[in-house]
C-alpha atoms as a PDB file:
ATOM      1  CA  MET A   1     -18.707  -6.625 -18.428  1.00  0.00           C
ATOM      2  CA  LEU A   2     -17.948  -6.585 -14.686  1.00  0.00           C
ATOM      3  CA  PRO A   3     -19.262  -3.689 -12.586  1.00  0.00           C
ATOM      4  CA  GLN A   4     -16.752  -1.025 -11.600  1.00  0.00           C
ATOM      5  CA  LEU A   5     -16.095  -0.960  -7.866  1.00  0.00           C
ATOM      6  CA  THR A   6     -14.926   2.163  -6.084  1.00  0.00           C
ATOM      7  CA  THR A   7     -11.757   1.613  -4.052  1.00  0.00           C
ATOM      8  CA  PRO A   8     -11.157   4.042  -1.184  1.00  0.00           C
ATOM      9  CA  ILE A   9      -8.095   6.289  -1.350  1.00  0.00           C
ATOM     10  CA  TYR A  10      -6.173   7.526   1.682  1.00  0.00           C
ATOM     11  CA  ASP A  11      -3.531  10.200   2.192  1.00  0.00           C
ATOM     12  CA  LEU A  12      -0.558   9.067   4.276  1.00  0.00           C
ATOM     13  CA  THR A  13       2.492  11.017   5.420  1.00  0.00           C
ATOM     14  CA  LEU A  14       5.908   9.359   5.245  1.00  0.00           C
ATOM     15  CA  PRO A  15       7.607   9.602   8.663  1.00  0.00           C
ATOM     16  CA  SER A  16      11.117  10.098   7.253  1.00  0.00           C
ATOM     17  CA  ASN A  17      10.496  13.284   5.273  1.00  0.00           C
ATOM     18  CA  GLY A  18       6.882  14.366   5.819  1.00  0.00           C
ATOM     19  CA  LYS A  19       5.970  13.710   2.174  1.00  0.00           C
ATOM     20  CA  GLU A  20       2.268  12.993   1.596  1.00  0.00           C
ATOM     21  CA  ILE A  21       1.334  10.125  -0.717  1.00  0.00           C
ATOM     22  CA  ARG A  22      -1.931   8.514  -1.835  1.00  0.00           C
ATOM     23  CA  VAL A  23      -2.588   4.831  -1.189  1.00  0.00           C
ATOM     24  CA  ARG A  24      -5.386   2.294  -1.498  1.00  0.00           C
ATOM     25  CA  PRO A  25      -6.093  -0.733   0.746  1.00  0.00           C
ATOM     26  CA  PHE A  26      -4.952  -4.283   0.023  1.00  0.00           C
ATOM     27  CA  LEU A  27      -7.099  -6.176  -2.437  1.00  0.00           C
ATOM     28  CA  VAL A  28      -7.833  -9.904  -2.297  1.00  0.00           C
ATOM     29  CA  LYS A  29      -5.102 -10.580  -4.863  1.00  0.00           C
ATOM     30  CA  GLU A  30      -2.545  -8.910  -2.577  1.00  0.00           C
ATOM     31  CA  GLU A  31      -3.687 -10.820   0.486  1.00  0.00           C
ATOM     32  CA  LYS A  32      -3.207 -14.037  -1.522  1.00  0.00           C
ATOM     33  CA  LEU A  33       0.313 -12.924  -2.447  1.00  0.00           C
ATOM     34  CA  LEU A  34       1.175 -12.270   1.202  1.00  0.00           C
ATOM     35  CA  LEU A  35      -0.312 -15.588   2.292  1.00  0.00           C
ATOM     36  CA  MET A  36       1.702 -17.515  -0.302  1.00  0.00           C
ATOM     37  CA  ALA A  37       4.895 -15.770   0.796  1.00  0.00           C
ATOM     38  CA  ALA A  38       4.187 -16.479   4.474  1.00  0.00           C
ATOM     39  CA  GLN A  39       3.525 -20.154   3.737  1.00  0.00           C
ATOM     40  CA  SER A  40       6.846 -20.432   1.891  1.00  0.00           C
ATOM     41  CA  LYS A  41       8.663 -19.263   5.069  1.00  0.00           C
ATOM     42  CA  ASP A  42      11.372 -17.922   2.789  1.00  0.00           C
ATOM     43  CA  THR A  43      12.755 -14.567   3.916  1.00  0.00           C
ATOM     44  CA  VAL A  44      13.422 -13.314   0.388  1.00  0.00           C
ATOM     45  CA  ASP A  45       9.907 -14.307  -0.764  1.00  0.00           C
ATOM     46  CA  ILE A  46       8.353 -12.523   2.202  1.00  0.00           C
ATOM     47  CA  ILE A  47      10.417  -9.363   1.642  1.00  0.00           C
ATOM     48  CA  ASN A  48       9.632  -9.305  -2.076  1.00  0.00           C
ATOM     49  CA  ALA A  49       5.918  -9.939  -1.513  1.00  0.00           C
ATOM     50  CA  THR A  50       5.708  -7.183   1.088  1.00  0.00           C
ATOM     51  CA  LYS A  51       7.442  -4.706  -1.190  1.00  0.00           C
ATOM     52  CA  GLN A  52       5.276  -5.708  -4.157  1.00  0.00           C
ATOM     53  CA  VAL A  53       2.027  -5.313  -2.211  1.00  0.00           C
ATOM     54  CA  ILE A  54       2.986  -1.893  -0.870  1.00  0.00           C
ATOM     55  CA  SER A  55       4.101  -0.775  -4.333  1.00  0.00           C
ATOM     56  CA  ASN A  56       0.749  -1.903  -5.752  1.00  0.00           C
ATOM     57  CA  CYS A  57      -1.084   0.171  -3.148  1.00  0.00           C
ATOM     58  CA  ILE A  58       0.879   3.398  -3.739  1.00  0.00           C
ATOM     59  CA  LEU A  59      -1.037   5.474  -6.276  1.00  0.00           C
ATOM     60  CA  ASP A  60       1.439   8.306  -6.876  1.00  0.00           C
ATOM     61  CA  GLU A  61       3.921   8.080  -9.734  1.00  0.00           C
ATOM     62  CA  GLY A  62       7.631   8.190  -8.952  1.00  0.00           C
ATOM     63  CA  VAL A  63       7.332   6.858  -5.397  1.00  0.00           C
ATOM     64  CA  SER A  64       9.572   3.821  -4.934  1.00  0.00           C
ATOM     65  CA  ILE A  65       9.799   1.845  -1.718  1.00  0.00           C
ATOM     66  CA  ASN A  66      13.319   0.826  -2.758  1.00  0.00           C
ATOM     67  CA  ASP A  67      14.339   4.412  -2.001  1.00  0.00           C
ATOM     68  CA  MET A  68      12.591   4.518   1.394  1.00  0.00           C
ATOM     69  CA  PRO A  69      14.198   3.778   4.764  1.00  0.00           C
ATOM     70  CA  PHE A  70      12.951   0.637   6.459  1.00  0.00           C
ATOM     71  CA  PHE A  71      10.708   2.398   8.977  1.00  0.00           C
ATOM     72  CA  ASP A  72       8.748   4.144   6.220  1.00  0.00           C
ATOM     73  CA  VAL A  73       7.977   0.739   4.692  1.00  0.00           C
ATOM     74  CA  ASP A  74       7.043  -0.746   8.085  1.00  0.00           C
ATOM     75  CA  TYR A  75       4.741   2.214   8.744  1.00  0.00           C
ATOM     76  CA  LEU A  76       3.109   1.934   5.322  1.00  0.00           C
ATOM     77  CA  PHE A  77       2.509  -1.784   5.691  1.00  0.00           C
ATOM     78  CA  LEU A  78       1.042  -1.554   9.171  1.00  0.00           C
ATOM     79  CA  THR A  79      -1.184   1.375   8.197  1.00  0.00           C
ATOM     80  CA  LEU A  80      -2.359  -0.378   5.038  1.00  0.00           C
ATOM     81  CA  ARG A  81      -3.117  -3.469   7.103  1.00  0.00           C
ATOM     82  CA  ALA A  82      -5.264  -1.347   9.415  1.00  0.00           C
ATOM     83  CA  LYS A  83      -7.125   0.139   6.454  1.00  0.00           C
ATOM     84  CA  SER A  84      -7.520  -3.208   4.705  1.00  0.00           C
ATOM     85  CA  ILE A  85      -8.136  -5.807   7.421  1.00  0.00           C
ATOM     86  CA  SER A  86      -8.590  -4.445  10.932  1.00  0.00           C
ATOM     87  CA  GLU A  87      -7.332  -1.586  13.062  1.00  0.00           C
ATOM     88  CA  ASN A  88      -7.294  -3.763  16.179  1.00  0.00           C
ATOM     89  CA  ILE A  89      -4.970  -6.639  17.008  1.00  0.00           C
ATOM     90  CA  ASP A  90      -5.094  -8.590  20.269  1.00  0.00           C
ATOM     91  CA  ILE A  91      -1.856  -9.598  21.974  1.00  0.00           C
ATOM     92  CA  ASN A  92      -1.094 -11.302  25.282  1.00  0.00           C
ATOM     93  CA  PHE A  93       0.829  -9.199  27.800  1.00  0.00           C
ATOM     94  CA  SER A  94       2.705 -10.518  30.849  1.00  0.00           C
ATOM     95  CA  CYS A  95       2.590  -8.464  34.070  1.00  0.00           C
ATOM     96  CA  ASN A  96       6.020  -8.110  35.698  1.00  0.00           C
ATOM     97  CA  ASN A  97       4.806  -5.964  38.590  1.00  0.00           C
ATOM     98  CA  ILE A  98       5.979  -7.025  42.051  1.00  0.00           C
ATOM     99  CA  PHE A  99       2.817  -7.942  43.939  1.00  0.00           C
ATOM    100  CA  GLU A 100       2.768  -9.291  47.522  1.00  0.00           C
ATOM    101  CA  GLY A 101       6.512  -9.873  47.445  1.00  0.00           C
ATOM    102  CA  LYS A 102       6.744 -11.648  44.101  1.00  0.00           C
ATOM    103  CA  LYS A 103       6.301 -11.008  40.400  1.00  0.00           C
ATOM    104  CA  CYS A 104       2.638 -11.017  39.434  1.00  0.00           C
ATOM    105  CA  GLY A 105       3.171 -12.994  36.210  1.00  0.00           C
ATOM    106  CA  ALA A 106      -0.448 -12.686  35.094  1.00  0.00           C
ATOM    107  CA  ILE A 107      -1.009 -12.937  31.349  1.00  0.00           C
ATOM    108  CA  PHE A 108      -3.908 -10.926  29.976  1.00  0.00           C
ATOM    109  CA  PRO A 109      -5.130  -9.727  26.562  1.00  0.00           C
ATOM    110  CA  VAL A 110      -4.351  -6.224  25.302  1.00  0.00           C
ATOM    111  CA  THR A 111      -5.963  -4.699  22.222  1.00  0.00           C
ATOM    112  CA  LEU A 112      -3.647  -2.581  20.079  1.00  0.00           C
ATOM    113  CA  ASP A 113      -5.083   0.024  17.728  1.00  0.00           C
ATOM    114  CA  ILE A 114      -2.545  -0.133  14.907  1.00  0.00           C
ATOM    115  CA  SER A 115      -4.079   2.912  13.251  1.00  0.00           C
ATOM    116  CA  LYS A 116      -2.441   4.844  16.107  1.00  0.00           C
ATOM    117  CA  SER A 117       1.071   3.584  15.405  1.00  0.00           C
ATOM    118  CA  SER A 118       3.764   6.237  15.311  1.00  0.00           C
ATOM    119  CA  ILE A 119       7.471   6.569  14.614  1.00  0.00           C
ATOM    120  CA  THR A 120       9.783   7.586  17.438  1.00  0.00           C
ATOM    121  CA  LYS A 121      12.764   9.585  16.179  1.00  0.00           C
ATOM    122  CA  ASN A 122      15.777  11.115  17.883  1.00  0.00           C
ATOM    123  CA  GLU A 123      16.136  14.494  16.216  1.00  0.00           C
ATOM    124  CA  ASN A 124      19.437  15.216  17.983  1.00  0.00           C
ATOM    125  CA  ILE A 125      21.441  12.309  16.558  1.00  0.00           C
ATOM    126  CA  LYS A 126      24.087  13.370  14.044  1.00  0.00           C
ATOM    127  CA  ASP A 127      24.638  11.378  10.848  1.00  0.00           C
ATOM    128  CA  GLU A 128      28.304  12.420  10.568  1.00  0.00           C
ATOM    129  CA  ILE A 129      30.492  10.452  12.969  1.00  0.00           C
ATOM    130  CA  TRP A 130      34.191  11.188  13.461  1.00  0.00           C
ATOM    131  CA  LEU A 131      36.318   8.163  14.333  1.00  0.00           C
ATOM    132  CA  SER A 132      39.551  10.175  14.424  1.00  0.00           C
ATOM    133  CA  GLU A 133      40.668  13.741  13.758  1.00  0.00           C
ATOM    134  CA  LYS A 134      40.840  13.166  10.017  1.00  0.00           C
ATOM    135  CA  PHE A 135      38.546  10.209   9.352  1.00  0.00           C
ATOM    136  CA  GLY A 136      34.775  10.062   9.593  1.00  0.00           C
ATOM    137  CA  ILE A 137      31.696   8.173   8.435  1.00  0.00           C
ATOM    138  CA  LYS A 138      28.450   9.492   6.983  1.00  0.00           C
ATOM    139  CA  MET A 139      25.530   7.352   8.154  1.00  0.00           C
ATOM    140  CA  LYS A 140      22.162   6.739   6.489  1.00  0.00           C
ATOM    141  CA  TYR A 141      18.918   4.977   7.279  1.00  0.00           C
ATOM    142  CA  PRO A 142      19.074   1.376   5.988  1.00  0.00           C
ATOM    143  CA  LYS A 143      16.620   0.091   3.414  1.00  0.00           C
ATOM    144  CA  TYR A 144      13.798  -2.338   4.179  1.00  0.00           C
ATOM    145  CA  SER A 145      15.427  -5.367   2.548  1.00  0.00           C
ATOM    146  CA  GLU A 146      18.686  -4.792   4.422  1.00  0.00           C
ATOM    147  CA  MET A 147      16.964  -4.768   7.798  1.00  0.00           C
ATOM    148  CA  LYS A 148      14.618  -7.719   7.179  1.00  0.00           C
ATOM    149  CA  LYS A 149      17.452  -9.990   6.051  1.00  0.00           C
ATOM    150  CA  ILE A 150      19.065  -9.690   9.465  1.00  0.00           C
ATOM    151  CA  VAL A 151      17.714 -12.851  11.052  1.00  0.00           C
ATOM    152  CA  SER A 152      16.744 -13.176  14.693  1.00  0.00           C
ATOM    153  CA  ASP A 153      18.941 -16.205  15.439  1.00  0.00           C
ATOM    154  CA  GLU A 154      22.170 -14.279  14.858  1.00  0.00           C
ATOM    155  CA  SER A 155      24.136 -13.193  17.917  1.00  0.00           C
ATOM    156  CA  GLN A 156      23.463  -9.697  19.243  1.00  0.00           C
ATOM    157  CA  LEU A 157      26.946  -8.586  18.199  1.00  0.00           C
ATOM    158  CA  ASP A 158      26.577  -9.994  14.677  1.00  0.00           C
ATOM    159  CA  LYS A 159      23.177  -8.311  14.244  1.00  0.00           C
ATOM    160  CA  ARG A 160      24.563  -5.034  15.534  1.00  0.00           C
ATOM    161  CA  ILE A 161      27.500  -5.166  13.125  1.00  0.00           C
ATOM    162  CA  ARG A 162      25.267  -5.986  10.154  1.00  0.00           C
ATOM    163  CA  ILE A 163      22.978  -3.073  10.940  1.00  0.00           C
ATOM    164  CA  ILE A 164      25.982  -0.770  11.323  1.00  0.00           C
ATOM    165  CA  GLN A 165      27.257  -1.872   7.915  1.00  0.00           C
ATOM    166  CA  ALA A 166      23.830  -1.236   6.377  1.00  0.00           C
ATOM    167  CA  CYS A 167      23.862   2.267   7.874  1.00  0.00           C
ATOM    168  CA  ILE A 168      27.227   3.322   6.432  1.00  0.00           C
ATOM    169  CA  ASP A 169      26.696   5.636   3.474  1.00  0.00           C
ATOM    170  CA  TYR A 170      30.316   6.546   2.868  1.00  0.00           C
ATOM    171  CA  MET A 171      33.621   7.073   4.625  1.00  0.00           C
ATOM    172  CA  PHE A 172      35.706  10.215   4.239  1.00  0.00           C
ATOM    173  CA  ASP A 173      39.066  11.698   5.114  1.00  0.00           C
ATOM    174  CA  ASP A 174      40.785  14.962   4.224  1.00  0.00           C
ATOM    175  CA  LYS A 175      41.382  13.741   0.665  1.00  0.00           C
ATOM    176  CA  GLN A 176      38.280  11.969  -0.629  1.00  0.00           C
ATOM    177  CA  THR A 177      35.130   9.963   0.091  1.00  0.00           C
ATOM    178  CA  TYR A 178      34.772   6.179  -0.038  1.00  0.00           C
ATOM    179  CA  PRO A 179      31.178   5.094  -0.833  1.00  0.00           C
ATOM    180  CA  SER A 180      30.109   1.879   0.884  1.00  0.00           C
ATOM    181  CA  LYS A 181      28.324   0.700  -2.280  1.00  0.00           C
ATOM    182  CA  GLU A 182      31.719   0.491  -3.973  1.00  0.00           C
ATOM    183  CA  MET A 183      33.165  -1.730  -1.235  1.00  0.00           C
ATOM    184  CA  SER A 184      32.984  -5.512  -1.239  1.00  0.00           C
ATOM    185  CA  LYS A 185      31.531  -7.419   1.700  1.00  0.00           C
ATOM    186  CA  GLU A 186      35.025  -8.664   2.513  1.00  0.00           C
ATOM    187  CA  ASP A 187      36.416  -5.123   2.624  1.00  0.00           C
ATOM    188  CA  MET A 188      33.527  -3.943   4.797  1.00  0.00           C
ATOM    189  CA  ASP A 189      34.006  -6.874   7.191  1.00  0.00           C
ATOM    190  CA  LYS A 190      37.726  -6.115   7.402  1.00  0.00           C
ATOM    191  CA  PHE A 191      37.026  -2.448   8.109  1.00  0.00           C
ATOM    192  CA  ILE A 192      34.705  -3.324  10.998  1.00  0.00           C
ATOM    193  CA  ASP A 193      37.127  -5.918  12.412  1.00  0.00           C
ATOM    194  CA  GLU A 194      39.889  -3.307  12.594  1.00  0.00           C
ATOM    195  CA  LEU A 195      37.843  -0.757  14.563  1.00  0.00           C
ATOM    196  CA  THR A 196      38.511  -0.217  18.243  1.00  0.00           C
ATOM    197  CA  THR A 197      35.703  -0.972  20.685  1.00  0.00           C
ATOM    198  CA  SER A 198      35.135   2.743  21.309  1.00  0.00           C
ATOM    199  CA  GLN A 199      34.926   3.445  17.557  1.00  0.00           C
ATOM    200  CA  LEU A 200      32.409   0.627  17.099  1.00  0.00           C
ATOM    201  CA  ASP A 201      30.392   2.036  19.999  1.00  0.00           C
ATOM    202  CA  LYS A 202      30.204   5.425  18.270  1.00  0.00           C
ATOM    203  CA  LEU A 203      28.642   3.752  15.230  1.00  0.00           C
ATOM    204  CA  GLY A 204      26.479   1.616  17.511  1.00  0.00           C
ATOM    205  CA  ASN A 205      25.010   4.757  19.077  1.00  0.00           C
ATOM    206  CA  TRP A 206      23.574   5.628  15.650  1.00  0.00           C
ATOM    207  CA  VAL A 207      21.985   2.162  15.417  1.00  0.00           C
ATOM    208  CA  ASP A 208      20.506   2.516  18.914  1.00  0.00           C
ATOM    209  CA  ALA A 209      18.857   5.772  17.835  1.00  0.00           C
ATOM    210  CA  LEU A 210      17.263   4.424  14.645  1.00  0.00           C
ATOM    211  CA  PRO A 211      13.564   5.398  14.373  1.00  0.00           C
ATOM    212  CA  GLU A 212      11.143   2.763  15.650  1.00  0.00           C
ATOM    213  CA  LEU A 213       7.527   1.947  14.941  1.00  0.00           C
ATOM    214  CA  GLU A 214       5.586   2.041  18.193  1.00  0.00           C
ATOM    215  CA  ILE A 215       2.075   1.754  19.630  1.00  0.00           C
ATOM    216  CA  LYS A 216       1.344   3.032  23.123  1.00  0.00           C
ATOM    217  CA  VAL A 217      -1.568   1.766  25.190  1.00  0.00           C
ATOM    218  CA  GLN A 218      -2.602   1.780  28.847  1.00  0.00           C
ATOM    219  CA  LYS A 219      -3.968  -1.369  30.478  1.00  0.00           C
ATOM    220  CA  GLN A 220      -4.662  -2.425  34.054  1.00  0.00           C
ATOM    221  CA  CYS A 221      -3.616  -5.892  35.167  1.00  0.00           C
ATOM    222  CA  PRO A 222      -6.801  -7.754  36.187  1.00  0.00           C
ATOM    223  CA  THR A 223      -4.892  -9.700  38.864  1.00  0.00           C
ATOM    224  CA  CYS A 224      -2.806  -7.139  40.778  1.00  0.00           C
ATOM    225  CA  GLY A 225      -4.425  -3.938  39.529  1.00  0.00           C
ATOM    226  CA  PHE A 226      -1.167  -2.357  38.337  1.00  0.00           C
ATOM    227  CA  ASN A 227      -1.626   0.211  35.552  1.00  0.00           C
ATOM    228  CA  HIS A 228       0.753  -0.542  32.691  1.00  0.00           C
ATOM    229  CA  ASN A 229       1.909   2.050  30.171  1.00  0.00           C
ATOM    230  CA  ILE A 230       2.696  -0.350  27.335  1.00  0.00           C
ATOM    231  CA  SER A 231       5.005   0.603  24.489  1.00  0.00           C
ATOM    232  CA  TYR A 232       4.753  -2.118  21.838  1.00  0.00           C
ATOM    233  CA  LYS A 233       7.441  -2.387  19.148  1.00  0.00           C
ATOM    234  CA  GLU A 234       7.448  -6.031  17.986  1.00  0.00           C
ATOM    235  CA  PHE A 235       5.382  -6.001  14.795  1.00  0.00           C
ATOM    236  CA  THR A 236       6.880  -8.774  12.684  1.00  0.00           C
ATOM    237  CA  SER A 237       4.093 -11.242  13.500  1.00  0.00           C
ATOM    238  CA  PHE A 238       1.459  -8.702  12.415  1.00  0.00           C
ATOM    239  CA  PHE A 239       2.624  -8.587   8.842  1.00  0.00           C
ATOM    240  CA  PHE A 240       1.045 -11.887   7.805  1.00  0.00           C
END
Protein backbone atom coordinates (compact mmCIF):
# COMPACT_ATOMS: atom_id res chain seq x y z
CA MET A 1 0.00 0.00 0.00
CA LEU A 2 1.29 3.47 -0.93
CA PRO A 3 1.82 6.03 1.85
CA GLN A 4 -0.81 8.74 2.20
CA LEU A 5 0.54 12.18 1.35
CA THR A 6 -0.97 15.33 2.79
CA THR A 7 -1.95 17.86 0.13
CA PRO A 8 -2.17 21.49 1.25
CA ILE A 9 -5.55 23.22 1.08
CA TYR A 10 -6.04 26.93 0.44
CA ASP A 11 -9.01 29.27 0.78
CA LEU A 12 -9.53 31.55 -2.23
CA THR A 13 -12.11 34.28 -2.78
CA LEU A 14 -13.81 34.54 -6.17
CA PRO A 15 -13.46 38.11 -7.49
CA SER A 16 -16.91 38.20 -9.12
CA ASN A 17 -19.03 37.59 -6.02
CA GLY A 18 -16.71 37.35 -3.00
CA LYS A 19 -17.54 33.66 -2.46
CA GLU A 20 -14.83 31.71 -0.62
CA ILE A 21 -13.88 28.28 -1.95
CA ARG A 22 -11.30 25.64 -1.00
CA VAL A 23 -8.68 24.51 -3.51
CA ARG A 24 -5.58 22.34 -3.67
CA PRO A 25 -2.46 22.83 -5.84
CA PHE A 26 -1.87 21.14 -9.20
CA LEU A 27 -0.61 17.59 -8.99
CA VAL A 28 1.84 15.98 -11.42
CA LYS A 29 -1.04 14.37 -13.31
CA GLU A 30 -2.57 17.81 -13.92
CA GLU A 31 0.71 19.32 -15.08
CA LYS A 32 0.97 16.45 -17.59
CA LEU A 33 -2.55 17.21 -18.82
CA LEU A 34 -1.69 20.89 -19.33
CA LEU A 35 1.56 20.02 -21.09
CA MET A 36 -0.20 17.65 -23.50
CA ALA A 37 -2.80 20.30 -24.29
CA ALA A 38 -0.13 22.96 -24.87
CA GLN A 39 1.81 20.64 -27.19
CA SER A 40 -1.34 19.99 -29.24
CA LYS A 41 -1.65 23.77 -29.89
CA ASP A 42 -5.37 23.20 -30.26
CA THR A 43 -7.47 25.95 -28.69
CA VAL A 44 -10.31 23.63 -27.68
CA ASP A 45 -7.88 21.13 -26.10
CA ILE A 46 -6.19 23.91 -24.14
CA ILE A 47 -9.51 25.35 -22.93
CA ASN A 48 -10.81 21.93 -21.91
CA ALA A 49 -7.57 20.98 -20.15
CA THR A 50 -7.51 24.26 -18.23
CA LYS A 51 -11.10 23.84 -17.12
CA GLN A 52 -10.52 20.21 -16.15
CA VAL A 53 -7.44 21.01 -14.06
CA ILE A 54 -9.16 23.84 -12.21
CA SER A 55 -12.22 21.66 -11.59
CA ASN A 56 -9.97 18.93 -10.18
CA CYS A 57 -8.41 21.43 -7.78
CA ILE A 58 -11.70 22.83 -6.45
CA LEU A 59 -12.62 20.88 -3.32
CA ASP A 60 -16.09 22.28 -2.61
CA GLU A 61 -19.16 20.52 -3.97
CA GLY A 62 -21.48 22.41 -6.31
CA VAL A 63 -18.84 24.83 -7.61
CA SER A 64 -18.70 24.72 -11.40
CA ILE A 65 -16.30 26.76 -13.48
CA ASN A 66 -18.82 26.57 -16.33
CA ASP A 67 -20.95 28.98 -14.31
CA MET A 68 -18.08 31.39 -13.58
CA PRO A 69 -17.19 34.50 -15.59
CA PHE A 70 -13.91 34.30 -17.44
CA PHE A 71 -11.94 36.47 -15.01
CA ASP A 72 -12.77 34.18 -12.09
CA VAL A 73 -11.28 31.25 -14.02
CA ASP A 74 -8.20 33.28 -15.02
CA TYR A 75 -7.70 34.31 -11.39
CA LEU A 76 -8.09 30.74 -10.14
CA PHE A 77 -5.63 29.38 -12.67
CA LEU A 78 -2.98 32.00 -12.03
CA THR A 79 -3.33 31.63 -8.26
CA LEU A 80 -3.18 27.84 -8.46
CA ARG A 81 -0.08 28.14 -10.64
CA ALA A 82 1.54 30.30 -7.96
CA LYS A 83 0.66 27.76 -5.27
CA SER A 84 1.74 24.79 -7.37
CA ILE A 85 4.82 25.89 -9.34
CA SER A 86 6.20 29.31 -8.46
CA GLU A 87 4.93 32.69 -7.32
CA ASN A 88 7.53 34.51 -9.43
CA ILE A 89 7.71 34.80 -13.20
CA ASP A 90 10.38 36.78 -15.05
CA ILE A 91 9.41 38.86 -18.07
CA ASN A 92 11.34 41.26 -20.28
CA PHE A 93 10.17 44.88 -20.20
CA SER A 94 10.99 47.56 -22.78
CA CYS A 95 11.65 51.12 -21.54
CA ASN A 96 9.83 53.74 -23.63
CA ASN A 97 11.05 56.71 -21.59
CA ILE A 98 12.45 59.63 -23.59
CA PHE A 99 16.10 59.89 -22.57
CA GLU A 100 18.57 62.41 -24.04
CA GLY A 101 16.15 63.29 -26.82
CA LYS A 102 15.22 59.78 -27.89
CA LYS A 103 13.39 56.71 -26.64
CA CYS A 104 15.53 54.72 -24.23
CA GLY A 105 14.54 51.32 -25.67
CA ALA A 106 16.42 49.35 -23.03
CA ILE A 107 15.09 45.85 -22.38
CA PHE A 108 15.48 44.56 -18.84
CA PRO A 109 14.07 41.72 -16.71
CA VAL A 110 11.15 42.29 -14.34
CA THR A 111 10.03 39.75 -11.76
CA LEU A 112 6.26 39.48 -11.30
CA ASP A 113 4.83 38.06 -8.10
CA ILE A 114 1.71 36.37 -9.44
CA SER A 115 0.47 35.68 -5.92
CA LYS A 116 -0.25 39.43 -5.83
CA SER A 117 -2.48 39.43 -8.91
CA SER A 118 -5.76 41.26 -8.54
CA ILE A 119 -8.92 41.97 -10.51
CA THR A 120 -9.68 45.53 -11.54
CA LYS A 121 -13.42 46.19 -11.70
CA ASN A 122 -15.49 49.22 -12.63
CA GLU A 123 -18.25 49.26 -10.04
CA ASN A 124 -20.09 52.11 -11.78
CA ILE A 125 -20.78 50.35 -15.08
CA LYS A 126 -24.43 49.45 -15.60
CA ASP A 127 -25.42 46.08 -17.06
CA GLU A 128 -28.69 47.41 -18.51
CA ILE A 129 -28.08 49.38 -21.71
CA TRP A 130 -30.85 51.26 -23.52
CA LEU A 131 -30.43 51.47 -27.29
CA SER A 132 -33.69 53.37 -27.78
CA GLU A 133 -36.59 54.59 -25.65
CA LYS A 134 -38.28 51.19 -25.71
CA PHE A 135 -35.50 48.71 -26.46
CA GLY A 136 -32.62 47.67 -24.25
CA ILE A 137 -30.05 44.94 -23.63
CA LYS A 138 -29.11 43.20 -20.39
CA MET A 139 -25.38 42.43 -20.37
CA LYS A 140 -23.50 39.68 -18.51
CA TYR A 141 -19.92 38.63 -17.94
CA PRO A 142 -18.88 36.13 -20.64
CA LYS A 143 -17.76 32.62 -19.76
CA TYR A 144 -14.16 31.41 -19.97
CA SER A 145 -14.62 29.31 -23.10
CA GLU A 146 -16.31 32.18 -24.94
CA MET A 147 -13.42 34.55 -24.29
CA LYS A 148 -10.59 32.09 -25.01
CA LYS A 149 -12.04 31.11 -28.38
CA ILE A 150 -11.65 34.67 -29.60
CA VAL A 151 -8.33 34.34 -31.40
CA SER A 152 -5.68 37.03 -31.51
CA ASP A 153 -5.38 37.15 -35.31
CA GLU A 154 -8.92 38.45 -35.78
CA SER A 155 -9.36 42.13 -36.57
CA GLN A 156 -9.96 44.46 -33.63
CA LEU A 157 -13.51 45.11 -34.82
CA ASP A 158 -14.29 41.40 -35.21
CA LYS A 159 -12.91 40.63 -31.73
CA ARG A 160 -14.89 43.49 -30.25
CA ILE A 161 -18.11 42.30 -31.87
CA ARG A 162 -17.58 38.71 -30.72
CA ILE A 163 -17.00 39.83 -27.15
CA ILE A 164 -20.10 42.03 -27.31
CA GLN A 165 -22.15 39.06 -28.51
CA ALA A 166 -20.78 36.91 -25.68
CA CYS A 167 -21.80 39.62 -23.20
CA ILE A 168 -25.44 39.86 -24.30
CA ASP A 169 -27.67 38.08 -21.81
CA TYR A 170 -31.01 39.07 -23.29
CA MET A 171 -32.76 41.83 -25.18
CA PHE A 172 -36.00 43.42 -24.02
CA ASP A 173 -38.70 45.83 -25.10
CA ASP A 174 -41.99 46.91 -23.54
CA LYS A 175 -43.57 43.55 -24.40
CA GLN A 176 -41.11 40.75 -23.65
CA THR A 177 -37.51 39.57 -23.32
CA TYR A 178 -35.44 37.83 -25.99
CA PRO A 179 -32.73 35.57 -24.47
CA SER A 180 -29.52 35.42 -26.50
CA LYS A 181 -29.22 31.67 -25.88
CA GLU A 182 -32.38 31.20 -27.94
CA MET A 183 -30.95 33.12 -30.91
CA SER A 184 -28.95 31.54 -33.71
CA LYS A 185 -25.51 32.84 -34.65
CA GLU A 186 -26.98 34.14 -37.90
CA ASP A 187 -29.68 36.10 -36.06
CA MET A 188 -27.13 37.53 -33.62
CA ASP A 189 -24.84 38.56 -36.49
CA LYS A 190 -27.76 40.22 -38.26
CA PHE A 191 -28.74 42.08 -35.09
CA ILE A 192 -25.22 43.48 -34.69
CA ASP A 193 -24.96 44.42 -38.38
CA GLU A 194 -28.14 46.49 -38.12
CA LEU A 195 -26.97 48.57 -35.14
CA THR A 196 -25.90 52.16 -35.62
CA THR A 197 -22.32 53.07 -34.76
CA SER A 198 -23.45 54.92 -31.63
CA GLN A 199 -25.50 51.91 -30.47
CA LEU A 200 -22.53 49.59 -31.00
CA ASP A 201 -20.36 52.01 -29.03
CA LYS A 202 -22.76 51.82 -26.08
CA LEU A 203 -22.32 48.05 -26.00
CA GLY A 204 -18.59 48.47 -26.59
CA ASN A 205 -18.33 50.61 -23.45
CA TRP A 206 -19.43 47.56 -21.44
CA VAL A 207 -16.69 45.47 -23.08
CA ASP A 208 -14.08 48.15 -22.34
CA ALA A 209 -15.05 48.01 -18.66
CA LEU A 210 -14.82 44.22 -18.29
CA PRO A 211 -12.80 43.21 -15.19
CA GLU A 212 -9.13 42.49 -15.87
CA LEU A 213 -6.50 40.41 -14.14
CA GLU A 214 -3.55 42.63 -13.28
CA ILE A 215 -0.20 42.64 -11.49
CA LYS A 216 1.42 45.93 -10.50
CA VAL A 217 5.14 46.28 -9.92
CA GLN A 218 7.68 49.10 -9.74
CA LYS A 219 11.03 48.81 -11.52
CA GLN A 220 13.81 51.24 -12.36
CA CYS A 221 15.34 51.14 -15.83
CA PRO A 222 19.04 50.26 -15.40
CA THR A 223 19.97 52.38 -18.44
CA CYS A 224 18.15 55.72 -18.02
CA GLY A 225 17.10 55.42 -14.38
CA PHE A 226 13.40 56.05 -15.05
CA ASN A 227 11.07 54.55 -12.43
CA HIS A 228 8.34 52.54 -14.12
CA ASN A 229 4.98 51.77 -12.52
CA ILE A 230 4.21 48.62 -14.50
CA SER A 231 0.68 47.28 -14.84
CA TYR A 232 0.91 43.83 -16.43
CA LYS A 233 -2.21 42.26 -17.97
CA GLU A 234 -0.97 39.80 -20.63
CA PHE A 235 -1.09 36.42 -18.90
CA THR A 236 -1.82 33.96 -21.69
CA SER A 237 1.79 32.79 -21.95
CA PHE A 238 1.88 32.05 -18.21
CA PHE A 239 -0.78 29.39 -18.39
CA PHE A 240 1.48 26.68 -19.81
